[in-house]
N, C-alpha and C. Protein backbone atom coordinates (compact mmCIF):
# COMPACT_ATOMS: atom_id res chain seq x y z
N MET A 1 0.83 -1.16 0.00
CA MET A 1 0.00 0.00 0.00
C MET A 1 0.88 1.23 0.00
N ASN A 2 0.46 2.18 -0.75
CA ASN A 2 1.29 3.37 -0.79
C ASN A 2 0.81 4.40 0.23
N ASN A 3 1.63 5.35 0.47
CA ASN A 3 1.34 6.38 1.49
C ASN A 3 0.12 7.23 1.14
N VAL A 4 -0.13 7.46 -0.14
CA VAL A 4 -1.26 8.29 -0.57
C VAL A 4 -2.56 7.59 -0.22
N THR A 5 -2.64 6.27 -0.47
CA THR A 5 -3.85 5.52 -0.16
C THR A 5 -4.11 5.51 1.34
N VAL A 6 -3.07 5.28 2.14
CA VAL A 6 -3.22 5.27 3.59
C VAL A 6 -3.63 6.64 4.09
N THR A 7 -3.04 7.67 3.55
CA THR A 7 -3.37 9.04 3.95
C THR A 7 -4.81 9.37 3.58
N ASN A 8 -5.26 8.98 2.37
CA ASN A 8 -6.64 9.24 1.95
C ASN A 8 -7.62 8.50 2.85
N ARG A 9 -7.28 7.22 3.16
CA ARG A 9 -8.14 6.43 4.03
C ARG A 9 -8.20 7.05 5.42
N THR A 10 -7.08 7.48 5.94
CA THR A 10 -7.02 8.11 7.26
C THR A 10 -7.80 9.42 7.27
N ASN A 11 -7.66 10.22 6.24
CA ASN A 11 -8.41 11.48 6.14
C ASN A 11 -9.92 11.21 6.06
N HIS A 12 -10.26 10.19 5.27
CA HIS A 12 -11.67 9.83 5.13
C HIS A 12 -12.23 9.36 6.47
N GLN A 13 -11.48 8.54 7.21
CA GLN A 13 -11.92 8.05 8.52
C GLN A 13 -12.05 9.21 9.51
N LEU A 14 -11.09 10.13 9.48
CA LEU A 14 -11.16 11.30 10.36
C LEU A 14 -12.36 12.17 10.01
N PHE A 15 -12.62 12.32 8.70
CA PHE A 15 -13.77 13.11 8.26
C PHE A 15 -15.07 12.48 8.76
N LEU A 16 -15.21 11.15 8.59
CA LEU A 16 -16.40 10.44 9.05
C LEU A 16 -16.55 10.54 10.57
N LYS A 17 -15.45 10.38 11.27
CA LYS A 17 -15.47 10.45 12.73
C LYS A 17 -15.91 11.84 13.18
N GLY A 18 -15.40 12.89 12.54
CA GLY A 18 -15.77 14.27 12.87
C GLY A 18 -17.23 14.55 12.56
N THR A 19 -17.72 14.05 11.43
CA THR A 19 -19.11 14.23 11.05
C THR A 19 -20.04 13.54 12.03
N ILE A 20 -19.67 12.30 12.42
CA ILE A 20 -20.48 11.55 13.39
C ILE A 20 -20.51 12.28 14.72
N MET A 21 -19.37 12.81 15.15
CA MET A 21 -19.32 13.54 16.42
C MET A 21 -20.20 14.80 16.35
N LYS A 22 -20.16 15.49 15.21
CA LYS A 22 -21.00 16.69 15.06
C LYS A 22 -22.48 16.32 15.12
N LEU A 23 -22.85 15.22 14.45
CA LEU A 23 -24.24 14.76 14.48
C LEU A 23 -24.65 14.37 15.90
N GLN A 24 -23.75 13.70 16.62
CA GLN A 24 -24.05 13.32 18.00
C GLN A 24 -24.26 14.56 18.87
N LYS A 25 -23.38 15.56 18.71
CA LYS A 25 -23.52 16.80 19.48
C LYS A 25 -24.82 17.53 19.14
N THR A 26 -25.16 17.58 17.85
CA THR A 26 -26.40 18.23 17.42
C THR A 26 -27.61 17.50 17.99
N PHE A 27 -27.59 16.15 17.91
CA PHE A 27 -28.68 15.35 18.45
C PHE A 27 -28.81 15.56 19.96
N LEU A 28 -27.68 15.57 20.65
CA LEU A 28 -27.68 15.79 22.09
C LEU A 28 -28.22 17.18 22.43
N SER A 29 -27.82 18.18 21.66
CA SER A 29 -28.31 19.54 21.88
C SER A 29 -29.82 19.62 21.68
N LEU A 30 -30.31 18.95 20.63
CA LEU A 30 -31.76 18.93 20.38
C LEU A 30 -32.50 18.24 21.52
N CYS A 31 -31.95 17.13 22.00
CA CYS A 31 -32.57 16.42 23.13
C CYS A 31 -32.63 17.30 24.37
N ILE A 32 -31.54 18.00 24.65
CA ILE A 32 -31.50 18.89 25.82
C ILE A 32 -32.51 20.03 25.64
N ALA A 33 -32.56 20.61 24.43
CA ALA A 33 -33.52 21.70 24.17
C ALA A 33 -34.95 21.22 24.36
N CYS A 34 -35.26 20.04 23.84
CA CYS A 34 -36.61 19.48 24.00
C CYS A 34 -36.93 19.23 25.47
N ALA A 35 -35.97 18.69 26.18
CA ALA A 35 -36.18 18.43 27.62
C ALA A 35 -36.44 19.73 28.36
N LEU A 36 -35.68 20.77 28.03
CA LEU A 36 -35.89 22.07 28.68
C LEU A 36 -37.27 22.64 28.35
N LEU A 37 -37.71 22.48 27.12
CA LEU A 37 -39.05 22.95 26.74
C LEU A 37 -40.13 22.21 27.51
N VAL A 38 -39.97 20.90 27.62
CA VAL A 38 -40.96 20.10 28.35
C VAL A 38 -40.99 20.49 29.81
N ILE A 39 -39.83 20.74 30.38
CA ILE A 39 -39.77 21.13 31.79
C ILE A 39 -40.30 22.54 31.99
N ALA A 40 -39.97 23.46 31.07
CA ALA A 40 -40.33 24.87 31.23
C ALA A 40 -41.78 25.15 30.88
N SER A 41 -42.39 24.39 29.98
CA SER A 41 -43.75 24.68 29.53
C SER A 41 -44.77 24.69 30.65
N PRO A 42 -44.84 23.66 31.51
CA PRO A 42 -45.82 23.72 32.59
C PRO A 42 -45.58 24.89 33.54
N ALA A 43 -44.32 25.19 33.80
CA ALA A 43 -44.01 26.31 34.70
C ALA A 43 -44.44 27.62 34.06
N ARG A 44 -44.16 27.77 32.75
CA ARG A 44 -44.56 29.00 32.05
C ARG A 44 -46.07 29.10 31.97
N ALA A 45 -46.75 28.00 31.68
CA ALA A 45 -48.21 28.02 31.61
C ALA A 45 -48.81 28.38 32.96
N GLN A 46 -48.23 27.85 34.03
CA GLN A 46 -48.73 28.16 35.36
C GLN A 46 -48.49 29.64 35.67
N ALA A 47 -47.31 30.16 35.31
CA ALA A 47 -47.00 31.57 35.56
C ALA A 47 -47.94 32.46 34.77
N GLU A 48 -48.23 32.09 33.50
CA GLU A 48 -49.15 32.89 32.69
C GLU A 48 -50.55 32.84 33.28
N ALA A 49 -50.99 31.68 33.73
CA ALA A 49 -52.32 31.56 34.32
C ALA A 49 -52.42 32.39 35.59
N GLU A 50 -51.34 32.41 36.37
CA GLU A 50 -51.35 33.20 37.60
C GLU A 50 -51.29 34.69 37.29
N ALA A 51 -50.67 35.07 36.16
CA ALA A 51 -50.54 36.47 35.82
C ALA A 51 -51.85 37.06 35.33
N VAL A 52 -52.75 36.24 34.73
CA VAL A 52 -54.02 36.72 34.22
C VAL A 52 -55.10 36.44 35.25
N PRO A 53 -55.71 37.49 35.81
CA PRO A 53 -56.75 37.25 36.80
C PRO A 53 -57.93 36.48 36.19
N GLN A 54 -58.42 35.51 36.89
CA GLN A 54 -59.53 34.70 36.41
C GLN A 54 -60.84 35.35 36.84
N THR A 55 -61.35 36.25 35.99
CA THR A 55 -62.62 36.90 36.29
C THR A 55 -63.76 35.98 35.88
N GLU A 56 -64.94 36.34 36.30
CA GLU A 56 -66.11 35.52 35.96
C GLU A 56 -66.28 35.43 34.46
N SER A 57 -66.01 36.51 33.73
CA SER A 57 -66.23 36.51 32.30
C SER A 57 -65.26 35.59 31.55
N ASN A 58 -64.02 35.40 32.04
CA ASN A 58 -63.15 34.49 31.30
C ASN A 58 -63.12 33.09 31.89
N ARG A 59 -63.86 32.84 32.96
CA ARG A 59 -64.01 31.46 33.46
C ARG A 59 -65.15 30.76 32.73
N HIS A 60 -66.13 31.52 32.27
CA HIS A 60 -67.27 30.93 31.60
C HIS A 60 -67.44 31.61 30.25
N ASP A 61 -67.45 30.85 29.20
CA ASP A 61 -67.58 31.39 27.86
C ASP A 61 -69.01 31.19 27.39
N ASP A 62 -69.80 32.28 27.34
CA ASP A 62 -71.21 32.19 26.95
C ASP A 62 -71.41 31.67 25.53
N ARG A 63 -70.38 31.78 24.68
CA ARG A 63 -70.54 31.31 23.31
C ARG A 63 -70.64 29.79 23.23
N ARG A 64 -70.30 29.09 24.30
CA ARG A 64 -70.32 27.63 24.27
C ARG A 64 -71.63 27.03 24.76
N ASP A 65 -72.55 27.84 25.22
CA ASP A 65 -73.81 27.27 25.67
C ASP A 65 -74.97 27.88 24.89
N ASN A 66 -76.13 27.33 25.09
CA ASN A 66 -77.29 27.75 24.32
C ASN A 66 -78.21 28.68 25.10
N ARG A 67 -77.76 29.18 26.24
CA ARG A 67 -78.59 30.10 26.99
C ARG A 67 -78.74 31.41 26.21
N PRO A 68 -79.87 32.08 26.36
CA PRO A 68 -80.11 33.31 25.59
C PRO A 68 -79.13 34.42 25.97
N LEU A 69 -78.83 35.26 24.98
CA LEU A 69 -77.94 36.40 25.16
C LEU A 69 -78.63 37.68 24.67
N PRO A 70 -78.21 38.83 25.19
CA PRO A 70 -78.80 40.08 24.71
C PRO A 70 -78.10 40.63 23.48
N THR A 71 -77.20 39.86 22.88
CA THR A 71 -76.41 40.38 21.77
C THR A 71 -77.29 40.87 20.64
N GLY A 72 -76.86 41.97 20.05
CA GLY A 72 -77.58 42.59 18.95
C GLY A 72 -77.87 44.05 19.24
N ALA A 73 -78.62 44.66 18.34
CA ALA A 73 -78.97 46.08 18.44
C ALA A 73 -80.43 46.22 18.86
N TRP A 74 -80.68 47.22 19.71
CA TRP A 74 -82.01 47.39 20.31
C TRP A 74 -82.47 48.84 20.26
N GLU A 75 -83.74 49.03 19.91
CA GLU A 75 -84.40 50.33 20.11
C GLU A 75 -84.91 50.32 21.54
N VAL A 76 -84.63 51.38 22.27
CA VAL A 76 -84.95 51.38 23.69
C VAL A 76 -85.78 52.61 24.04
N LEU A 77 -86.80 52.39 24.85
CA LEU A 77 -87.59 53.48 25.41
C LEU A 77 -87.24 53.57 26.88
N GLY A 78 -86.70 54.72 27.29
CA GLY A 78 -86.36 54.94 28.69
C GLY A 78 -87.41 55.83 29.33
N ASN A 79 -87.56 55.67 30.63
CA ASN A 79 -88.51 56.52 31.36
C ASN A 79 -88.00 56.73 32.77
N THR A 80 -87.99 58.00 33.21
CA THR A 80 -87.68 58.34 34.60
C THR A 80 -88.70 59.36 35.08
N ALA A 81 -88.86 59.46 36.38
CA ALA A 81 -89.80 60.43 36.95
C ALA A 81 -89.37 61.86 36.61
N LEU A 82 -88.09 62.13 36.60
CA LEU A 82 -87.60 63.50 36.35
C LEU A 82 -87.49 63.84 34.87
N GLN A 83 -87.17 62.87 34.03
CA GLN A 83 -86.94 63.16 32.61
C GLN A 83 -88.09 62.75 31.71
N GLY A 84 -89.01 61.94 32.18
CA GLY A 84 -90.08 61.44 31.34
C GLY A 84 -89.56 60.39 30.37
N ASP A 85 -90.22 60.27 29.20
CA ASP A 85 -89.83 59.28 28.19
C ASP A 85 -88.71 59.82 27.30
N PHE A 86 -87.81 58.94 26.89
CA PHE A 86 -86.79 59.29 25.91
C PHE A 86 -86.37 58.02 25.18
N LYS A 87 -85.87 58.19 23.96
CA LYS A 87 -85.46 57.05 23.14
C LYS A 87 -83.94 56.94 23.11
N ALA A 88 -83.48 55.71 22.95
CA ALA A 88 -82.04 55.43 22.87
C ALA A 88 -81.81 54.20 22.01
N LEU A 89 -80.58 53.98 21.66
CA LEU A 89 -80.15 52.77 20.95
C LEU A 89 -79.07 52.11 21.81
N LEU A 90 -79.21 50.81 22.03
CA LEU A 90 -78.20 50.05 22.76
C LEU A 90 -77.78 48.86 21.90
N THR A 91 -76.49 48.59 21.91
CA THR A 91 -75.94 47.43 21.19
C THR A 91 -75.10 46.63 22.16
N PHE A 92 -75.39 45.33 22.24
CA PHE A 92 -74.65 44.40 23.10
C PHE A 92 -73.86 43.47 22.19
N SER A 93 -72.54 43.49 22.31
CA SER A 93 -71.71 42.63 21.47
C SER A 93 -71.49 41.28 22.16
N GLY A 94 -71.05 40.31 21.39
CA GLY A 94 -70.83 38.97 21.91
C GLY A 94 -69.67 38.85 22.88
N ASP A 95 -68.81 39.85 22.92
CA ASP A 95 -67.66 39.80 23.83
C ASP A 95 -67.85 40.66 25.08
N GLY A 96 -69.10 41.02 25.39
CA GLY A 96 -69.37 41.71 26.64
C GLY A 96 -69.32 43.22 26.59
N ILE A 97 -69.31 43.81 25.42
CA ILE A 97 -69.28 45.27 25.28
C ILE A 97 -70.69 45.78 25.01
N VAL A 98 -71.02 46.92 25.61
CA VAL A 98 -72.29 47.58 25.33
C VAL A 98 -71.98 49.00 24.84
N LEU A 99 -72.69 49.41 23.78
CA LEU A 99 -72.61 50.76 23.25
C LEU A 99 -74.00 51.37 23.33
N ALA A 100 -74.06 52.68 23.64
CA ALA A 100 -75.35 53.34 23.83
C ALA A 100 -75.33 54.73 23.20
N ASP A 101 -76.45 55.08 22.57
CA ASP A 101 -76.64 56.43 22.00
C ASP A 101 -78.06 56.87 22.28
N GLU A 102 -78.20 58.18 22.47
CA GLU A 102 -79.54 58.77 22.54
C GLU A 102 -79.55 60.02 21.68
N HIS A 103 -80.72 60.42 21.25
CA HIS A 103 -80.82 61.58 20.36
C HIS A 103 -80.67 62.88 21.15
N GLY A 104 -80.30 63.92 20.43
CA GLY A 104 -80.33 65.26 21.01
C GLY A 104 -79.07 65.74 21.69
N GLY A 105 -78.10 64.91 21.91
CA GLY A 105 -76.89 65.35 22.61
C GLY A 105 -75.79 65.74 21.64
N ALA A 106 -75.76 66.99 21.20
CA ALA A 106 -74.78 67.43 20.20
C ALA A 106 -73.35 67.25 20.69
N PHE A 107 -73.11 67.39 21.96
CA PHE A 107 -71.76 67.28 22.50
C PHE A 107 -71.60 66.06 23.40
N GLU A 108 -72.47 65.07 23.22
CA GLU A 108 -72.41 63.85 24.03
C GLU A 108 -71.80 62.72 23.22
N THR A 109 -70.87 61.99 23.83
CA THR A 109 -70.24 60.87 23.14
C THR A 109 -71.17 59.65 23.19
N THR A 110 -70.86 58.67 22.39
CA THR A 110 -71.51 57.37 22.51
C THR A 110 -71.14 56.79 23.86
N GLY A 111 -72.08 56.11 24.51
CA GLY A 111 -71.78 55.43 25.77
C GLY A 111 -71.01 54.15 25.50
N HIS A 112 -70.00 53.90 26.31
CA HIS A 112 -69.18 52.70 26.19
C HIS A 112 -69.17 51.98 27.52
N GLY A 113 -69.34 50.66 27.48
CA GLY A 113 -69.32 49.91 28.73
C GLY A 113 -69.29 48.42 28.50
N ASN A 114 -69.69 47.70 29.54
CA ASN A 114 -69.64 46.24 29.53
C ASN A 114 -70.92 45.65 30.12
N TRP A 115 -71.17 44.41 29.75
CA TRP A 115 -72.31 43.68 30.30
C TRP A 115 -71.84 42.28 30.70
N LYS A 116 -72.63 41.65 31.61
CA LYS A 116 -72.34 40.27 31.99
C LYS A 116 -73.64 39.59 32.40
N ARG A 117 -73.62 38.27 32.33
CA ARG A 117 -74.77 37.47 32.73
C ARG A 117 -74.85 37.43 34.24
N ILE A 118 -76.08 37.60 34.79
CA ILE A 118 -76.28 37.42 36.23
C ILE A 118 -77.40 36.42 36.51
N GLY A 119 -78.02 35.91 35.47
CA GLY A 119 -79.07 34.91 35.59
C GLY A 119 -79.30 34.27 34.24
N TYR A 120 -80.31 33.40 34.15
CA TYR A 120 -80.55 32.68 32.89
C TYR A 120 -80.84 33.64 31.73
N ARG A 121 -81.80 34.55 31.90
CA ARG A 121 -82.12 35.56 30.89
C ARG A 121 -81.91 36.97 31.43
N THR A 122 -81.12 37.10 32.49
CA THR A 122 -80.92 38.38 33.15
C THR A 122 -79.46 38.80 33.06
N PHE A 123 -79.24 40.08 32.80
CA PHE A 123 -77.90 40.61 32.56
C PHE A 123 -77.74 41.96 33.25
N ALA A 124 -76.54 42.25 33.68
CA ALA A 124 -76.21 43.56 34.26
C ALA A 124 -75.30 44.28 33.27
N TYR A 125 -75.40 45.60 33.24
CA TYR A 125 -74.58 46.40 32.34
C TYR A 125 -74.26 47.74 33.00
N THR A 126 -73.17 48.33 32.55
CA THR A 126 -72.80 49.69 32.93
C THR A 126 -72.12 50.32 31.73
N PHE A 127 -72.50 51.56 31.43
CA PHE A 127 -71.80 52.30 30.39
C PHE A 127 -71.61 53.75 30.81
N VAL A 128 -70.62 54.39 30.19
CA VAL A 128 -70.24 55.76 30.50
C VAL A 128 -70.21 56.56 29.20
N ALA A 129 -70.67 57.81 29.26
CA ALA A 129 -70.57 58.74 28.13
C ALA A 129 -70.08 60.08 28.67
N TYR A 130 -69.46 60.85 27.81
CA TYR A 130 -68.98 62.17 28.19
C TYR A 130 -69.79 63.25 27.50
N ILE A 131 -69.97 64.37 28.19
CA ILE A 131 -70.63 65.53 27.61
C ILE A 131 -69.60 66.64 27.52
N GLY A 132 -69.45 67.18 26.33
CA GLY A 132 -68.49 68.26 26.10
C GLY A 132 -69.21 69.58 25.90
N SER A 133 -68.53 70.49 25.27
CA SER A 133 -69.10 71.81 24.99
C SER A 133 -68.59 72.30 23.65
N ALA A 134 -69.10 73.44 23.22
CA ALA A 134 -68.69 74.01 21.93
C ALA A 134 -67.19 74.32 21.91
N ASN A 135 -66.60 74.59 23.06
CA ASN A 135 -65.16 74.89 23.10
C ASN A 135 -64.33 73.65 23.43
N SER A 136 -64.91 72.46 23.25
CA SER A 136 -64.23 71.17 23.42
C SER A 136 -63.80 70.87 24.86
N GLN A 137 -64.45 71.46 25.82
CA GLN A 137 -64.16 71.20 27.22
C GLN A 137 -65.11 70.13 27.75
N LEU A 138 -64.58 69.23 28.59
CA LEU A 138 -65.42 68.24 29.25
C LEU A 138 -66.27 68.96 30.30
N THR A 139 -67.58 68.78 30.19
CA THR A 139 -68.46 69.43 31.16
C THR A 139 -69.10 68.44 32.12
N ALA A 140 -69.25 67.16 31.70
CA ALA A 140 -69.88 66.19 32.58
C ALA A 140 -69.63 64.77 32.07
N LYS A 141 -69.82 63.81 32.97
CA LYS A 141 -69.75 62.39 32.64
C LYS A 141 -71.07 61.77 33.07
N ILE A 142 -71.61 60.91 32.21
CA ILE A 142 -72.85 60.19 32.52
C ILE A 142 -72.49 58.73 32.74
N LYS A 143 -73.03 58.13 33.81
CA LYS A 143 -72.85 56.70 34.04
C LYS A 143 -74.23 56.08 34.22
N VAL A 144 -74.49 55.04 33.46
CA VAL A 144 -75.77 54.32 33.54
C VAL A 144 -75.46 52.87 33.91
N SER A 145 -76.11 52.38 34.96
CA SER A 145 -75.99 50.99 35.39
C SER A 145 -77.39 50.41 35.48
N GLY A 146 -77.57 49.19 35.02
CA GLY A 146 -78.89 48.59 35.09
C GLY A 146 -78.86 47.10 34.91
N THR A 147 -80.04 46.53 34.95
CA THR A 147 -80.22 45.11 34.65
C THR A 147 -81.31 44.99 33.61
N LEU A 148 -81.28 43.92 32.87
CA LEU A 148 -82.33 43.65 31.89
C LEU A 148 -82.67 42.18 31.93
N THR A 149 -83.92 41.90 31.64
CA THR A 149 -84.38 40.52 31.53
C THR A 149 -84.99 40.33 30.15
N LEU A 150 -84.46 39.38 29.41
CA LEU A 150 -84.95 39.08 28.07
C LEU A 150 -86.30 38.38 28.13
N SER A 151 -87.16 38.70 27.16
CA SER A 151 -88.42 37.97 27.04
C SER A 151 -88.14 36.55 26.54
N ARG A 152 -89.12 35.68 26.67
CA ARG A 152 -88.92 34.28 26.23
C ARG A 152 -88.63 34.18 24.74
N ASP A 153 -89.21 35.07 23.93
CA ASP A 153 -88.97 35.01 22.48
C ASP A 153 -87.69 35.76 22.07
N LEU A 154 -86.99 36.36 23.05
CA LEU A 154 -85.72 37.06 22.85
C LEU A 154 -85.83 38.28 21.95
N LYS A 155 -87.04 38.81 21.77
CA LYS A 155 -87.23 39.98 20.92
C LYS A 155 -87.41 41.26 21.73
N ARG A 156 -87.56 41.13 23.04
CA ARG A 156 -87.76 42.29 23.90
C ARG A 156 -87.02 42.08 25.21
N TRP A 157 -86.80 43.17 25.92
CA TRP A 157 -86.26 43.10 27.27
C TRP A 157 -86.71 44.33 28.03
N GLU A 158 -86.64 44.25 29.33
CA GLU A 158 -86.91 45.42 30.16
C GLU A 158 -86.19 45.26 31.49
N GLY A 159 -86.03 46.39 32.16
CA GLY A 159 -85.37 46.35 33.45
C GLY A 159 -85.08 47.74 33.98
N PRO A 160 -84.75 47.81 35.27
CA PRO A 160 -84.46 49.09 35.90
C PRO A 160 -83.04 49.58 35.60
N PHE A 161 -82.86 50.89 35.70
CA PHE A 161 -81.52 51.44 35.56
C PHE A 161 -81.36 52.63 36.50
N LYS A 162 -80.11 52.97 36.76
CA LYS A 162 -79.76 54.13 37.56
C LYS A 162 -78.85 55.00 36.70
N LEU A 163 -79.11 56.30 36.69
CA LEU A 163 -78.32 57.25 35.93
C LEU A 163 -77.67 58.23 36.90
N GLU A 164 -76.38 58.44 36.73
CA GLU A 164 -75.67 59.45 37.52
C GLU A 164 -74.90 60.36 36.57
N VAL A 165 -74.92 61.66 36.87
CA VAL A 165 -74.16 62.64 36.10
C VAL A 165 -73.13 63.25 37.04
N PHE A 166 -71.88 63.28 36.57
CA PHE A 166 -70.76 63.77 37.36
C PHE A 166 -70.17 65.03 36.72
N ASP A 167 -69.67 65.95 37.55
CA ASP A 167 -68.93 67.09 37.02
C ASP A 167 -67.52 66.63 36.63
N PRO A 168 -66.70 67.51 36.02
CA PRO A 168 -65.36 67.09 35.60
C PRO A 168 -64.46 66.60 36.74
N LYS A 169 -64.80 66.93 37.98
CA LYS A 169 -64.00 66.46 39.12
C LYS A 169 -64.59 65.20 39.74
N ASP A 170 -65.55 64.59 39.06
CA ASP A 170 -66.17 63.32 39.46
C ASP A 170 -67.11 63.45 40.67
N ASN A 171 -67.67 64.63 40.89
CA ASN A 171 -68.69 64.83 41.93
C ASN A 171 -70.06 64.61 41.31
N VAL A 172 -70.93 63.87 41.99
CA VAL A 172 -72.29 63.64 41.48
C VAL A 172 -73.06 64.95 41.52
N ILE A 173 -73.60 65.34 40.36
CA ILE A 173 -74.41 66.56 40.30
C ILE A 173 -75.87 66.27 39.99
N PHE A 174 -76.16 65.03 39.59
CA PHE A 174 -77.54 64.66 39.26
C PHE A 174 -77.65 63.14 39.31
N ALA A 175 -78.75 62.64 39.81
CA ALA A 175 -78.99 61.20 39.82
C ALA A 175 -80.46 60.96 39.56
N ASP A 176 -80.77 59.87 38.90
CA ASP A 176 -82.15 59.54 38.58
C ASP A 176 -82.25 58.02 38.40
N ASN A 177 -83.44 57.49 38.56
CA ASN A 177 -83.73 56.06 38.36
C ASN A 177 -84.87 55.94 37.37
N GLY A 178 -84.90 54.82 36.66
CA GLY A 178 -85.98 54.61 35.72
C GLY A 178 -86.01 53.18 35.20
N THR A 179 -86.71 53.02 34.10
CA THR A 179 -86.79 51.71 33.45
C THR A 179 -86.50 51.86 31.96
N PHE A 180 -85.92 50.84 31.43
CA PHE A 180 -85.72 50.72 29.99
C PHE A 180 -86.57 49.58 29.49
N LYS A 181 -87.10 49.74 28.28
CA LYS A 181 -87.78 48.66 27.55
C LYS A 181 -87.14 48.60 26.17
N GLY A 182 -86.55 47.46 25.86
CA GLY A 182 -85.85 47.29 24.60
C GLY A 182 -86.61 46.42 23.63
N LYS A 183 -86.50 46.78 22.36
CA LYS A 183 -87.10 45.99 21.28
C LYS A 183 -85.99 45.73 20.25
N ARG A 184 -85.77 44.43 19.97
CA ARG A 184 -84.69 44.05 19.04
C ARG A 184 -84.93 44.66 17.67
N ILE A 185 -83.85 45.18 17.06
CA ILE A 185 -83.93 45.68 15.70
C ILE A 185 -83.74 44.47 14.79
N GLY A 186 -84.81 44.12 14.08
CA GLY A 186 -84.77 42.93 13.23
C GLY A 186 -84.26 43.24 11.85
N VAL A 187 -83.86 42.21 11.15
CA VAL A 187 -83.42 42.32 9.76
C VAL A 187 -84.64 42.20 8.87
N GLU A 188 -84.84 43.15 7.99
CA GLU A 188 -86.00 43.14 7.10
C GLU A 188 -85.54 42.91 5.67
N SER A 189 -86.38 42.24 4.90
CA SER A 189 -86.05 42.00 3.50
C SER A 189 -86.43 43.21 2.67
N LEU A 190 -85.97 43.25 1.43
CA LEU A 190 -86.27 44.36 0.53
C LEU A 190 -87.64 44.23 -0.13
N ASP A 191 -88.30 43.11 0.07
CA ASP A 191 -89.62 42.88 -0.56
C ASP A 191 -90.67 43.81 -0.03
C-alpha cells in the first residue's frame, strides 16, 4: 500500500469520525432543548395563568352554551320620573361590550361599557358617556348601570336602571332612576 492511499483512508476516517461527532452533538443539543421545553412549559403556563386574573367573564364562555344572550342592536324606550320618556339605541356585542346612544346630545359621546350574565335571561350592564361643549371642554360624565331581563322570544327586554351625572371632578351633580324597555332591531327584506 502506498502512502497516498493510507493518507486518503485516514483522512476519510477522520472526516467520518468528525461528522459523526458533530451529528451526535447536534442530536444531544436537540434532546436537551426538547427536555428544557418540556420542563419549562408547565411552569410557564402556570405563571401565565397566575398572571391573568380569572374573572367571571373568562371562566365561563357564553358562546359555548345555548342560553339566551342580549347580543344585537335594540331600540330602547327609557322613562324616569324626572326626565319622562326618551329614546335610545343600545348594542350588546358577543364579547361583553355595550354601546349606547340617545338623540339630542350634540356634545355627548356614545356610551361605552360592559355587560355580563347574572341569571338565565338576566344581565347587568354599565356604560359611560362624556358631555363636552362648543369649546371642546369636558363638562360632565354620565354613568348608567342597570339590569335587563330578556323575554322568552328574545325579541324584547326590560329592566331598571340608575343614571348618575358627574362634574369634571367626578362629583355627582344629578342622579335619577328609571326603566328601559328594549325591542330588538330585526333584519327586514327588501320585498
